[in-house]
């Protein structure tokens, strides 16, 4: 029997991949899911679903059920970055896709609750990974696993099947950024780049798949950008069909994320025929060849990349000869 253990997944890229795997499951199988993971695809007869509350006690219960109901010969796939907490009768496979757990990246910019959770999960992974096989989606993640855990990870990219495109109420956008609201997604610098462009008289539209209300730290940046004339819309979380609709209607994907385990939207955009503007980072070139690259830490670099795409690049400064340099300074003779 296949046991898909995912009691801590209900949103973001993990949800997208989980839905894809659920849709491909065949009996006999059992799913361990978060109570918030709804709806899910229709399942064939013989596939059992067990749900757990999104609480500490619910997670402990999920680990106990996994241990008690796993038999020799079962295949266990843990999809939520973490190996089984309790020893099983079989060797499980763990799908690791959260780079915060294996990267040296600091956590200082994250909310306190998130920092504490990630620190606990780092300890969980570090102390329990030896009994499992580790699966990742890219060579970059495999290198991170080797540096962090001293393990060889198996690289198995997973690409969900294309979904049916659904129209999005906001209409056509020049650029889209398909990403959730975590700090490493780098929305702040992207918004600053759009403000910079607007002050230069360049106002392409940008659609973000975040809920502005869930990111109060961005409110000031969004207001400043809007005051400068930037056209930015926050669409909130979209379902896969709506995201597919964005790809069909937009002119380009811009993707300033600082790091990713895989960068699924990069592949999805390329499949939809969209040009991609992305950082010059390993995680990008693990999956695609971007059309234009930039430094994701610099709003100036992002703005310049957008200008190049639009055909209005910055004019470089003309160097002066010594006489002209002195004349420009208006130095007394």
C-alpha atoms as a PDB file:
ATOM      1  CA  UNK A   1       0.000   0.000   0.000  1.00  0.00           C
ATOM      2  CA  UNK A   2       1.108   3.555  -0.731  1.00  0.00           C
ATOM      3  CA  UNK A   3       0.790   5.893   2.255  1.00  0.00           C
ATOM      4  CA  UNK A   4       1.002   9.588   1.387  1.00  0.00           C
ATOM      5  CA  UNK A   5       1.735  11.407   4.639  1.00  0.00           C
ATOM      6  CA  UNK A   6       1.015  15.144   4.357  1.00  0.00           C
ATOM      7  CA  UNK A   7      -0.645  16.348   7.591  1.00  0.00           C
ATOM      8  CA  UNK A   8       1.051  19.762   7.445  1.00  0.00           C
ATOM      9  CA  UNK A   9       0.174  20.855   3.886  1.00  0.00           C
ATOM     10  CA  UNK A  10      -2.806  22.971   2.891  1.00  0.00           C
ATOM     11  CA  UNK A  11      -1.554  25.961   0.871  1.00  0.00           C
ATOM     12  CA  UNK A  12       1.079  27.292  -1.532  1.00  0.00           C
ATOM     13  CA  UNK A  13       3.268  25.177  -3.760  1.00  0.00           C
ATOM     14  CA  UNK A  14       2.993  22.198  -1.456  1.00  0.00           C
ATOM     15  CA  UNK A  15      -0.767  22.183  -1.955  1.00  0.00           C
ATOM     16  CA  UNK A  16      -0.343  22.315  -5.735  1.00  0.00           C
ATOM     17  CA  UNK A  17       1.964  19.309  -5.759  1.00  0.00           C
ATOM     18  CA  UNK A  18      -0.165  17.411  -3.252  1.00  0.00           C
ATOM     19  CA  UNK A  19      -3.298  17.856  -5.373  1.00  0.00           C
ATOM     20  CA  UNK A  20      -1.394  16.589  -8.408  1.00  0.00           C
ATOM     21  CA  UNK A  21      -0.252  13.473  -6.566  1.00  0.00           C
ATOM     22  CA  UNK A  22      -3.700  12.810  -5.124  1.00  0.00           C
ATOM     23  CA  UNK A  23      -5.151  12.958  -8.621  1.00  0.00           C
ATOM     24  CA  UNK A  24      -2.717  10.272  -9.766  1.00  0.00           C
ATOM     25  CA  UNK A  25      -3.221   7.839  -6.881  1.00  0.00           C
ATOM     26  CA  UNK A  26      -4.563   4.329  -7.318  1.00  0.00           C
ATOM     27  CA  UNK A  27      -5.879   1.855  -4.760  1.00  0.00           C
ATOM     28  CA  UNK A  28      -4.872   0.529  -2.359  1.00  0.00           C
ATOM     29  CA  UNK A  29      -3.596   3.702  -0.733  1.00  0.00           C
ATOM     30  CA  UNK A  30      -4.091   5.932   2.270  1.00  0.00           C
ATOM     31  CA  UNK A  31      -3.862   9.704   2.562  1.00  0.00           C
ATOM     32  CA  UNK A  32      -2.936  11.535   5.773  1.00  0.00           C
ATOM     33  CA  UNK A  33      -4.176  15.099   5.288  1.00  0.00           C
ATOM     34  CA  UNK A  34      -4.581  18.382   7.128  1.00  0.00           C
ATOM     35  CA  UNK A  35      -8.246  19.138   7.902  1.00  0.00           C
ATOM     36  CA  UNK A  36      -7.844  22.393   5.918  1.00  0.00           C
ATOM     37  CA  UNK A  37      -6.755  20.544   2.779  1.00  0.00           C
ATOM     38  CA  UNK A  38     -10.060  20.879   0.905  1.00  0.00           C
ATOM     39  CA  UNK A  39     -11.271  20.261  -1.712  1.00  0.00           C
ATOM     40  CA  UNK A  40      -9.292  17.378  -3.154  1.00  0.00           C
ATOM     41  CA  UNK A  41      -9.719  15.438  -6.412  1.00  0.00           C
ATOM     42  CA  UNK A  42     -12.168  12.542  -6.536  1.00  0.00           C
ATOM     43  CA  UNK A  43     -10.549   9.336  -5.351  1.00  0.00           C
ATOM     44  CA  UNK A  44     -11.026   5.773  -6.591  1.00  0.00           C
ATOM     45  CA  UNK A  45     -12.535   3.190  -4.290  1.00  0.00           C
ATOM     46  CA  UNK A  46      -9.916   1.749  -1.995  1.00  0.00           C
ATOM     47  CA  UNK A  47      -8.125   5.034  -1.256  1.00  0.00           C
ATOM     48  CA  UNK A  48      -8.668   5.989   2.381  1.00  0.00           C
ATOM     49  CA  UNK A  49      -8.423   9.551   3.685  1.00  0.00           C
ATOM     50  CA  UNK A  50      -7.489  10.266   7.306  1.00  0.00           C
ATOM     51  CA  UNK A  51      -7.526  13.915   8.395  1.00  0.00           C
ATOM     52  CA  UNK A  52      -5.788  15.584  11.309  1.00  0.00           C
ATOM     53  CA  UNK A  53      -6.296  18.876  13.116  1.00  0.00           C
ATOM     54  CA  UNK A  54      -3.696  21.613  12.411  1.00  0.00           C
ATOM     55  CA  UNK A  55      -2.535  21.605  16.036  1.00  0.00           C
ATOM     56  CA  UNK A  56       0.394  20.149  17.943  1.00  0.00           C
ATOM     57  CA  UNK A  57      -1.799  17.377  19.319  1.00  0.00           C
ATOM     58  CA  UNK A  58      -3.167  16.723  15.815  1.00  0.00           C
ATOM     59  CA  UNK A  59       0.345  16.424  14.405  1.00  0.00           C
ATOM     60  CA  UNK A  60       1.416  14.031  17.157  1.00  0.00           C
ATOM     61  CA  UNK A  61      -1.683  11.953  16.469  1.00  0.00           C
ATOM     62  CA  UNK A  62      -0.770  11.840  12.777  1.00  0.00           C
ATOM     63  CA  UNK A  63       2.698  10.519  13.622  1.00  0.00           C
ATOM     64  CA  UNK A  64       1.234   7.841  15.869  1.00  0.00           C
ATOM     65  CA  UNK A  65      -1.266   6.746  13.233  1.00  0.00           C
ATOM     66  CA  UNK A  66       1.539   6.560  10.678  1.00  0.00           C
ATOM     67  CA  UNK A  67       3.583   4.339  12.968  1.00  0.00           C
ATOM     68  CA  UNK A  68       0.676   2.123  14.086  1.00  0.00           C
ATOM     69  CA  UNK A  69      -0.820   1.558  10.630  1.00  0.00           C
ATOM     70  CA  UNK A  70       2.324   1.055   8.549  1.00  0.00           C
ATOM     71  CA  UNK A  71       3.083  -2.560   7.698  1.00  0.00           C
ATOM     72  CA  UNK A  72       6.107  -4.256   6.103  1.00  0.00           C
ATOM     73  CA  UNK A  73       5.833  -3.857   2.341  1.00  0.00           C
ATOM     74  CA  UNK A  74       4.047  -0.483   2.518  1.00  0.00           C
ATOM     75  CA  UNK A  75       5.547   2.505   0.703  1.00  0.00           C
ATOM     76  CA  UNK A  76       5.551   5.743   2.698  1.00  0.00           C
ATOM     77  CA  UNK A  77       6.025   9.140   1.071  1.00  0.00           C
ATOM     78  CA  UNK A  78       6.239  12.091   3.473  1.00  0.00           C
ATOM     79  CA  UNK A  79       5.389  15.174   1.444  1.00  0.00           C
ATOM     80  CA  UNK A  80       5.792  17.910   4.056  1.00  0.00           C
ATOM     81  CA  UNK A  81       9.608  18.178   4.297  1.00  0.00           C
ATOM     82  CA  UNK A  82       9.792  16.206   7.525  1.00  0.00           C
ATOM     83  CA  UNK A  83      10.580  12.514   8.097  1.00  0.00           C
ATOM     84  CA  UNK A  84       8.433  10.385  10.384  1.00  0.00           C
ATOM     85  CA  UNK A  85       8.889  11.422  13.995  1.00  0.00           C
ATOM     86  CA  UNK A  86       8.468   7.836  15.199  1.00  0.00           C
ATOM     87  CA  UNK A  87      10.365   4.833  13.858  1.00  0.00           C
ATOM     88  CA  UNK A  88       8.459   2.849  11.200  1.00  0.00           C
ATOM     89  CA  UNK A  89       8.604  -0.774  10.067  1.00  0.00           C
ATOM     90  CA  UNK A  90       9.665   0.426   6.597  1.00  0.00           C
ATOM     91  CA  UNK A  91      12.068   3.005   5.199  1.00  0.00           C
ATOM     92  CA  UNK A  92      10.143   6.117   4.208  1.00  0.00           C
ATOM     93  CA  UNK A  93      10.891   8.618   1.438  1.00  0.00           C
ATOM     94  CA  UNK A  94      10.816  12.312   2.367  1.00  0.00           C
ATOM     95  CA  UNK A  95      10.101  14.990  -0.224  1.00  0.00           C
ATOM     96  CA  UNK A  96      12.035  18.090   0.914  1.00  0.00           C
ATOM     97  CA  UNK A  97      11.095  21.362  -0.773  1.00  0.00           C
ATOM     98  CA  UNK A  98      11.461  24.015   1.949  1.00  0.00           C
ATOM     99  CA  UNK A  99      14.912  25.592   1.599  1.00  0.00           C
ATOM    100  CA  UNK A 100      14.571  27.311   4.961  1.00  0.00           C
ATOM    101  CA  UNK A 101      15.110  23.882   6.514  1.00  0.00           C
ATOM    102  CA  UNK A 102      18.414  23.141   4.739  1.00  0.00           C
ATOM    103  CA  UNK A 103      19.747  26.593   3.827  1.00  0.00           C
ATOM    104  CA  UNK A 104      22.062  28.812   5.872  1.00  0.00           C
ATOM    105  CA  UNK A 105      19.657  31.691   5.268  1.00  0.00           C
ATOM    106  CA  UNK A 106      18.879  33.576   8.474  1.00  0.00           C
ATOM    107  CA  UNK A 107      15.381  33.740   9.881  1.00  0.00           C
ATOM    108  CA  UNK A 108      15.547  37.210  11.447  1.00  0.00           C
ATOM    109  CA  UNK A 109      13.156  38.796   8.920  1.00  0.00           C
ATOM    110  CA  UNK A 110      10.416  36.244   9.591  1.00  0.00           C
ATOM    111  CA  UNK A 111       7.635  36.545  12.192  1.00  0.00           C
ATOM    112  CA  UNK A 112       8.522  35.093  15.605  1.00  0.00           C
ATOM    113  CA  UNK A 113       5.997  32.255  15.316  1.00  0.00           C
ATOM    114  CA  UNK A 114       7.385  31.269  11.915  1.00  0.00           C
ATOM    115  CA  UNK A 115      10.970  31.408  13.194  1.00  0.00           C
ATOM    116  CA  UNK A 116      10.164  29.119  16.114  1.00  0.00           C
ATOM    117  CA  UNK A 117       8.369  26.660  13.847  1.00  0.00           C
ATOM    118  CA  UNK A 118      11.245  26.557  11.353  1.00  0.00           C
ATOM    119  CA  UNK A 119      13.825  26.088  14.113  1.00  0.00           C
ATOM    120  CA  UNK A 120      11.818  23.161  15.472  1.00  0.00           C
ATOM    121  CA  UNK A 121      11.463  21.675  11.982  1.00  0.00           C
ATOM    122  CA  UNK A 122      15.190  22.083  11.286  1.00  0.00           C
ATOM    123  CA  UNK A 123      15.907  20.096  14.447  1.00  0.00           C
ATOM    124  CA  UNK A 124      13.257  17.505  13.478  1.00  0.00           C
ATOM    125  CA  UNK A 125      14.792  17.005  10.031  1.00  0.00           C
ATOM    126  CA  UNK A 126      18.358  16.925  11.312  1.00  0.00           C
ATOM    127  CA  UNK A 127      17.656  14.299  13.990  1.00  0.00           C
ATOM    128  CA  UNK A 128      15.299  12.015  12.053  1.00  0.00           C
ATOM    129  CA  UNK A 129      16.528  11.985   8.431  1.00  0.00           C
ATOM    130  CA  UNK A 130      18.889   9.009   8.783  1.00  0.00           C
ATOM    131  CA  UNK A 131      16.076   6.430   8.572  1.00  0.00           C
ATOM    132  CA  UNK A 132      14.703   7.883   5.308  1.00  0.00           C
ATOM    133  CA  UNK A 133      15.506   8.431   1.672  1.00  0.00           C
ATOM    134  CA  UNK A 134      15.445  12.105   0.652  1.00  0.00           C
ATOM    135  CA  UNK A 135      13.882  13.293  -2.597  1.00  0.00           C
ATOM    136  CA  UNK A 136      14.286  16.813  -3.997  1.00  0.00           C
ATOM    137  CA  UNK A 137      13.326  18.508  -7.240  1.00  0.00           C
ATOM    138  CA  UNK A 138      16.541  20.229  -8.299  1.00  0.00           C
ATOM    139  CA  UNK A 139      20.323  19.980  -8.258  1.00  0.00           C
ATOM    140  CA  UNK A 140      20.457  23.162  -6.170  1.00  0.00           C
ATOM    141  CA  UNK A 141      18.361  21.522  -3.446  1.00  0.00           C
ATOM    142  CA  UNK A 142      20.483  18.362  -3.642  1.00  0.00           C
ATOM    143  CA  UNK A 143      23.594  20.455  -2.990  1.00  0.00           C
ATOM    144  CA  UNK A 144      21.885  22.129  -0.036  1.00  0.00           C
ATOM    145  CA  UNK A 145      20.963  18.725   1.415  1.00  0.00           C
ATOM    146  CA  UNK A 146      24.563  17.544   1.061  1.00  0.00           C
ATOM    147  CA  UNK A 147      25.934  20.680   2.746  1.00  0.00           C
ATOM    148  CA  UNK A 148      23.382  20.692   5.544  1.00  0.00           C
ATOM    149  CA  UNK A 149      22.837  17.015   6.279  1.00  0.00           C
ATOM    150  CA  UNK A 150      25.813  15.293   4.651  1.00  0.00           C
ATOM    151  CA  UNK A 151      23.395  13.204   2.594  1.00  0.00           C
ATOM    152  CA  UNK A 152      22.954  12.388  -1.061  1.00  0.00           C
ATOM    153  CA  UNK A 153      19.441  13.283  -2.168  1.00  0.00           C
ATOM    154  CA  UNK A 154      17.687  11.824  -5.192  1.00  0.00           C
ATOM    155  CA  UNK A 155      16.637  14.481  -7.722  1.00  0.00           C
ATOM    156  CA  UNK A 156      13.138  13.743  -9.052  1.00  0.00           C
ATOM    157  CA  UNK A 157      11.406  16.812 -10.555  1.00  0.00           C
ATOM    158  CA  UNK A 158       7.622  16.800 -10.263  1.00  0.00           C
ATOM    159  CA  UNK A 159       5.540  18.856 -12.657  1.00  0.00           C
ATOM    160  CA  UNK A 160       1.750  18.864 -12.145  1.00  0.00           C
ATOM    161  CA  UNK A 161      -0.398  18.327 -15.212  1.00  0.00           C
ATOM    162  CA  UNK A 162      -1.594  21.539 -16.895  1.00  0.00           C
ATOM    163  CA  UNK A 163      -4.924  22.780 -15.565  1.00  0.00           C
ATOM    164  CA  UNK A 164      -7.878  24.315 -17.373  1.00  0.00           C
ATOM    165  CA  UNK A 165      -7.371  28.059 -17.716  1.00  0.00           C
ATOM    166  CA  UNK A 166     -10.055  30.163 -16.034  1.00  0.00           C
ATOM    167  CA  UNK A 167     -10.521  33.885 -16.587  1.00  0.00           C
ATOM    168  CA  UNK A 168      -9.415  36.174 -13.760  1.00  0.00           C
ATOM    169  CA  UNK A 169     -11.592  39.172 -12.926  1.00  0.00           C
ATOM    170  CA  UNK A 170      -8.684  41.631 -13.013  1.00  0.00           C
ATOM    171  CA  UNK A 171      -8.224  41.200 -16.771  1.00  0.00           C
ATOM    172  CA  UNK A 172      -4.965  41.287 -18.720  1.00  0.00           C
ATOM    173  CA  UNK A 173      -1.692  42.234 -17.003  1.00  0.00           C
ATOM    174  CA  UNK A 174       1.643  43.184 -18.535  1.00  0.00           C
ATOM    175  CA  UNK A 175       3.580  41.285 -15.848  1.00  0.00           C
ATOM    176  CA  UNK A 176       2.556  38.704 -13.266  1.00  0.00           C
ATOM    177  CA  UNK A 177       4.330  37.356 -10.214  1.00  0.00           C
ATOM    178  CA  UNK A 178       2.861  34.019  -9.131  1.00  0.00           C
ATOM    179  CA  UNK A 179       4.054  33.567  -5.549  1.00  0.00           C
ATOM    180  CA  UNK A 180       2.808  33.340  -1.987  1.00  0.00           C
ATOM    181  CA  UNK A 181       3.708  35.990   0.562  1.00  0.00           C
ATOM    182  CA  UNK A 182       6.768  34.593   2.371  1.00  0.00           C
ATOM    183  CA  UNK A 183       9.659  36.987   2.975  1.00  0.00           C
ATOM    184  CA  UNK A 184      12.025  35.261   0.533  1.00  0.00           C
ATOM    185  CA  UNK A 185       9.574  35.879  -2.308  1.00  0.00           C
ATOM    186  CA  UNK A 186      10.949  39.432  -2.224  1.00  0.00           C
ATOM    187  CA  UNK A 187       7.782  41.417  -2.942  1.00  0.00           C
ATOM    188  CA  UNK A 188       9.190  44.531  -1.271  1.00  0.00           C
ATOM    189  CA  UNK A 189      12.046  45.017  -3.727  1.00  0.00           C
ATOM    190  CA  UNK A 190       9.765  44.226  -6.676  1.00  0.00           C
ATOM    191  CA  UNK A 191       7.271  46.903  -5.587  1.00  0.00           C
ATOM    192  CA  UNK A 192      10.137  49.368  -5.119  1.00  0.00           C
ATOM    193  CA  UNK A 193      11.252  48.603  -8.688  1.00  0.00           C
ATOM    194  CA  UNK A 194       7.731  49.339  -9.972  1.00  0.00           C
ATOM    195  CA  UNK A 195       7.742  52.637  -8.067  1.00  0.00           C
ATOM    196  CA  UNK A 196      11.106  53.490  -9.618  1.00  0.00           C
ATOM    197  CA  UNK A 197       9.766  52.731 -13.099  1.00  0.00           C
ATOM    198  CA  UNK A 198       6.683  54.883 -12.486  1.00  0.00           C
ATOM    199  CA  UNK A 199       8.870  57.834 -11.483  1.00  0.00           C
ATOM    200  CA  UNK A 200      10.604  57.397 -14.835  1.00  0.00           C
ATOM    201  CA  UNK A 201       7.252  57.544 -16.621  1.00  0.00           C
ATOM    202  CA  UNK A 202       7.098  53.792 -17.288  1.00  0.00           C
ATOM    203  CA  UNK A 203       3.930  52.154 -15.930  1.00  0.00           C
ATOM    204  CA  UNK A 204       3.451  48.525 -16.967  1.00  0.00           C
ATOM    205  CA  UNK A 205       0.793  46.719 -14.960  1.00  0.00           C
ATOM    206  CA  UNK A 206       1.793  44.082 -12.416  1.00  0.00           C
ATOM    207  CA  UNK A 207      -0.474  41.437 -10.863  1.00  0.00           C
ATOM    208  CA  UNK A 208       0.573  39.777  -7.598  1.00  0.00           C
ATOM    209  CA  UNK A 209      -1.046  36.597  -6.274  1.00  0.00           C
ATOM    210  CA  UNK A 210      -1.004  37.763  -2.656  1.00  0.00           C
ATOM    211  CA  UNK A 211      -3.640  39.172  -0.345  1.00  0.00           C
ATOM    212  CA  UNK A 212      -2.541  42.697   0.569  1.00  0.00           C
ATOM    213  CA  UNK A 213      -4.362  42.379   3.897  1.00  0.00           C
ATOM    214  CA  UNK A 214      -2.121  39.492   4.905  1.00  0.00           C
ATOM    215  CA  UNK A 215       1.012  41.576   4.304  1.00  0.00           C
ATOM    216  CA  UNK A 216       0.566  44.795   6.318  1.00  0.00           C
ATOM    217  CA  UNK A 217       4.316  45.361   5.997  1.00  0.00           C
ATOM    218  CA  UNK A 218       3.786  46.007   2.277  1.00  0.00           C
ATOM    219  CA  UNK A 219       1.035  48.592   2.731  1.00  0.00           C
ATOM    220  CA  UNK A 220       3.367  51.573   2.814  1.00  0.00           C
ATOM    221  CA  UNK A 221       5.337  50.384  -0.180  1.00  0.00           C
ATOM    222  CA  UNK A 222       2.175  49.764  -2.202  1.00  0.00           C
ATOM    223  CA  UNK A 223       0.824  53.214  -1.305  1.00  0.00           C
ATOM    224  CA  UNK A 224       4.073  54.928  -2.281  1.00  0.00           C
ATOM    225  CA  UNK A 225       4.173  53.034  -5.574  1.00  0.00           C
ATOM    226  CA  UNK A 226       0.542  53.914  -6.335  1.00  0.00           C
ATOM    227  CA  UNK A 227       1.212  57.585  -5.516  1.00  0.00           C
ATOM    228  CA  UNK A 228       4.057  57.540  -8.045  1.00  0.00           C
ATOM    229  CA  UNK A 229       1.681  56.149 -10.677  1.00  0.00           C
ATOM    230  CA  UNK A 230       2.630  52.459 -10.539  1.00  0.00           C
ATOM    231  CA  UNK A 231      -0.087  49.998 -11.542  1.00  0.00           C
ATOM    232  CA  UNK A 232      -0.001  47.072  -9.118  1.00  0.00           C
ATOM    233  CA  UNK A 233      -2.906  44.776  -8.226  1.00  0.00           C
ATOM    234  CA  UNK A 234      -3.002  42.213  -5.425  1.00  0.00           C
ATOM    235  CA  UNK A 235      -5.314  39.411  -6.540  1.00  0.00           C
ATOM    236  CA  UNK A 236      -5.173  37.267  -3.411  1.00  0.00           C
ATOM    237  CA  UNK A 237      -4.673  33.528  -3.459  1.00  0.00           C
ATOM    238  CA  UNK A 238      -5.866  31.931  -6.700  1.00  0.00           C
ATOM    239  CA  UNK A 239      -6.804  28.357  -7.472  1.00  0.00           C
ATOM    240  CA  UNK A 240      -4.777  26.473 -10.135  1.00  0.00           C
ATOM    241  CA  UNK A 241      -7.324  27.166 -12.898  1.00  0.00           C
ATOM    242  CA  UNK A 242      -7.157  30.908 -12.200  1.00  0.00           C
ATOM    243  CA  UNK A 243      -3.361  30.838 -12.177  1.00  0.00           C
ATOM    244  CA  UNK A 244      -3.457  29.082 -15.540  1.00  0.00           C
ATOM    245  CA  UNK A 245      -5.712  31.918 -16.728  1.00  0.00           C
ATOM    246  CA  UNK A 246      -3.108  34.456 -15.623  1.00  0.00           C
ATOM    247  CA  UNK A 247      -0.455  32.699 -17.688  1.00  0.00           C
ATOM    248  CA  UNK A 248      -2.728  32.767 -20.721  1.00  0.00           C
ATOM    249  CA  UNK A 249      -3.465  36.499 -20.487  1.00  0.00           C
ATOM    250  CA  UNK A 250      -0.217  38.087 -19.238  1.00  0.00           C
ATOM    251  CA  UNK A 251       2.668  39.322 -21.350  1.00  0.00           C
ATOM    252  CA  UNK A 252       5.498  38.097 -19.091  1.00  0.00           C
ATOM    253  CA  UNK A 253       6.321  36.492 -15.757  1.00  0.00           C
ATOM    254  CA  UNK A 254       8.685  38.355 -13.436  1.00  0.00           C
ATOM    255  CA  UNK A 255      10.051  36.203 -10.616  1.00  0.00           C
ATOM    256  CA  UNK A 256      12.310  38.004  -8.087  1.00  0.00           C
ATOM    257  CA  UNK A 257      12.342  35.272  -5.414  1.00  0.00           C
ATOM    258  CA  UNK A 258      15.649  35.074  -3.552  1.00  0.00           C
ATOM    259  CA  UNK A 259      15.668  31.275  -3.411  1.00  0.00           C
ATOM    260  CA  UNK A 260      13.452  28.313  -4.262  1.00  0.00           C
ATOM    261  CA  UNK A 261      13.532  24.558  -3.975  1.00  0.00           C
ATOM    262  CA  UNK A 262      12.166  24.246  -7.500  1.00  0.00           C
ATOM    263  CA  UNK A 263      10.417  27.384  -8.817  1.00  0.00           C
ATOM    264  CA  UNK A 264       7.350  25.724 -10.333  1.00  0.00           C
ATOM    265  CA  UNK A 265       5.867  28.978 -11.768  1.00  0.00           C
ATOM    266  CA  UNK A 266       8.975  29.346 -13.926  1.00  0.00           C
ATOM    267  CA  UNK A 267       8.164  26.069 -15.667  1.00  0.00           C
ATOM    268  CA  UNK A 268       4.453  26.807 -15.823  1.00  0.00           C
ATOM    269  CA  UNK A 269       5.092  30.169 -17.474  1.00  0.00           C
ATOM    270  CA  UNK A 270       7.415  28.649 -20.053  1.00  0.00           C
ATOM    271  CA  UNK A 271       4.826  25.966 -20.816  1.00  0.00           C
ATOM    272  CA  UNK A 272       2.302  28.752 -21.425  1.00  0.00           C
ATOM    273  CA  UNK A 273       4.716  30.478 -23.811  1.00  0.00           C
ATOM    274  CA  UNK A 274       5.462  33.448 -21.545  1.00  0.00           C
ATOM    275  CA  UNK A 275       8.814  35.236 -21.499  1.00  0.00           C
ATOM    276  CA  UNK A 276      10.412  35.019 -18.054  1.00  0.00           C
ATOM    277  CA  UNK A 277      12.405  37.701 -16.222  1.00  0.00           C
ATOM    278  CA  UNK A 278      14.200  36.061 -13.294  1.00  0.00           C
ATOM    279  CA  UNK A 279      17.247  36.355 -11.019  1.00  0.00           C
ATOM    280  CA  UNK A 280      20.647  35.104 -12.055  1.00  0.00           C
ATOM    281  CA  UNK A 281      20.398  32.315  -9.500  1.00  0.00           C
ATOM    282  CA  UNK A 282      21.082  28.579  -9.665  1.00  0.00           C
ATOM    283  CA  UNK A 283      17.495  27.625  -8.839  1.00  0.00           C
ATOM    284  CA  UNK A 284      16.310  29.416 -11.984  1.00  0.00           C
ATOM    285  CA  UNK A 285      18.728  27.719 -14.368  1.00  0.00           C
ATOM    286  CA  UNK A 286      17.971  24.352 -12.747  1.00  0.00           C
ATOM    287  CA  UNK A 287      14.620  24.453 -14.550  1.00  0.00           C
ATOM    288  CA  UNK A 288      14.632  27.054 -17.369  1.00  0.00           C
ATOM    289  CA  UNK A 289      16.740  29.479 -19.406  1.00  0.00           C
ATOM    290  CA  UNK A 290      15.337  32.911 -18.465  1.00  0.00           C
ATOM    291  CA  UNK A 291      14.812  35.520 -21.160  1.00  0.00           C
ATOM    292  CA  UNK A 292      16.201  38.381 -19.047  1.00  0.00           C
ATOM    293  CA  UNK A 293      18.040  38.214 -15.726  1.00  0.00           C
ATOM    294  CA  UNK A 294      18.610  40.668 -12.887  1.00  0.00           C
ATOM    295  CA  UNK A 295      19.940  41.051  -9.345  1.00  0.00           C
ATOM    296  CA  UNK A 296      16.912  40.346  -7.095  1.00  0.00           C
ATOM    297  CA  UNK A 297      18.344  42.405  -4.230  1.00  0.00           C
ATOM    298  CA  UNK A 298      18.389  45.612  -6.314  1.00  0.00           C
ATOM    299  CA  UNK A 299      15.235  47.489  -7.343  1.00  0.00           C
ATOM    300  CA  UNK A 300      17.397  49.340  -9.893  1.00  0.00           C
ATOM    301  CA  UNK A 301      18.467  46.048 -11.492  1.00  0.00           C
ATOM    302  CA  UNK A 302      14.874  44.772 -11.617  1.00  0.00           C
ATOM    303  CA  UNK A 303      13.676  48.069 -13.125  1.00  0.00           C
ATOM    304  CA  UNK A 304      16.423  47.934 -15.740  1.00  0.00           C
ATOM    305  CA  UNK A 305      15.451  44.373 -16.657  1.00  0.00           C
ATOM    306  CA  UNK A 306      11.842  45.497 -17.167  1.00  0.00           C
ATOM    307  CA  UNK A 307      13.023  48.424 -19.301  1.00  0.00           C
ATOM    308  CA  UNK A 308      15.095  46.060 -21.460  1.00  0.00           C
ATOM    309  CA  UNK A 309      12.090  43.807 -21.930  1.00  0.00           C
ATOM    310  CA  UNK A 310       9.937  46.807 -22.904  1.00  0.00           C
ATOM    311  CA  UNK A 311      12.591  48.083 -25.306  1.00  0.00           C
ATOM    312  CA  UNK A 312      13.430  51.234 -23.323  1.00  0.00           C
ATOM    313  CA  UNK A 313      16.794  50.469 -21.677  1.00  0.00           C
ATOM    314  CA  UNK A 314      18.622  53.029 -19.582  1.00  0.00           C
ATOM    315  CA  UNK A 315      21.119  55.164 -21.470  1.00  0.00           C
ATOM    316  CA  UNK A 316      24.557  54.537 -19.935  1.00  0.00           C
ATOM    317  CA  UNK A 317      26.467  57.513 -18.576  1.00  0.00           C
ATOM    318  CA  UNK A 318      28.872  58.963 -21.124  1.00  0.00           C
ATOM    319  CA  UNK A 319      32.440  59.208 -19.795  1.00  0.00           C
ATOM    320  CA  UNK A 320      34.092  62.625 -20.105  1.00  0.00           C
ATOM    321  CA  UNK A 321      37.591  63.516 -21.182  1.00  0.00           C
ATOM    322  CA  UNK A 322      39.676  65.414 -18.597  1.00  0.00           C
ATOM    323  CA  UNK A 323      38.873  68.874 -20.001  1.00  0.00           C
ATOM    324  CA  UNK A 324      35.148  68.182 -20.082  1.00  0.00           C
ATOM    325  CA  UNK A 325      35.313  66.703 -16.584  1.00  0.00           C
ATOM    326  CA  UNK A 326      36.905  69.889 -15.220  1.00  0.00           C
ATOM    327  CA  UNK A 327      34.418  72.018 -17.103  1.00  0.00           C
ATOM    328  CA  UNK A 328      31.538  70.007 -15.634  1.00  0.00           C
ATOM    329  CA  UNK A 329      32.842  70.704 -12.151  1.00  0.00           C
ATOM    330  CA  UNK A 330      33.071  74.437 -12.973  1.00  0.00           C
ATOM    331  CA  UNK A 331      36.384  74.639 -11.126  1.00  0.00           C
ATOM    332  CA  UNK A 332      38.032  78.080 -10.993  1.00  0.00           C
ATOM    333  CA  UNK A 333      41.086  78.439 -13.245  1.00  0.00           C
END
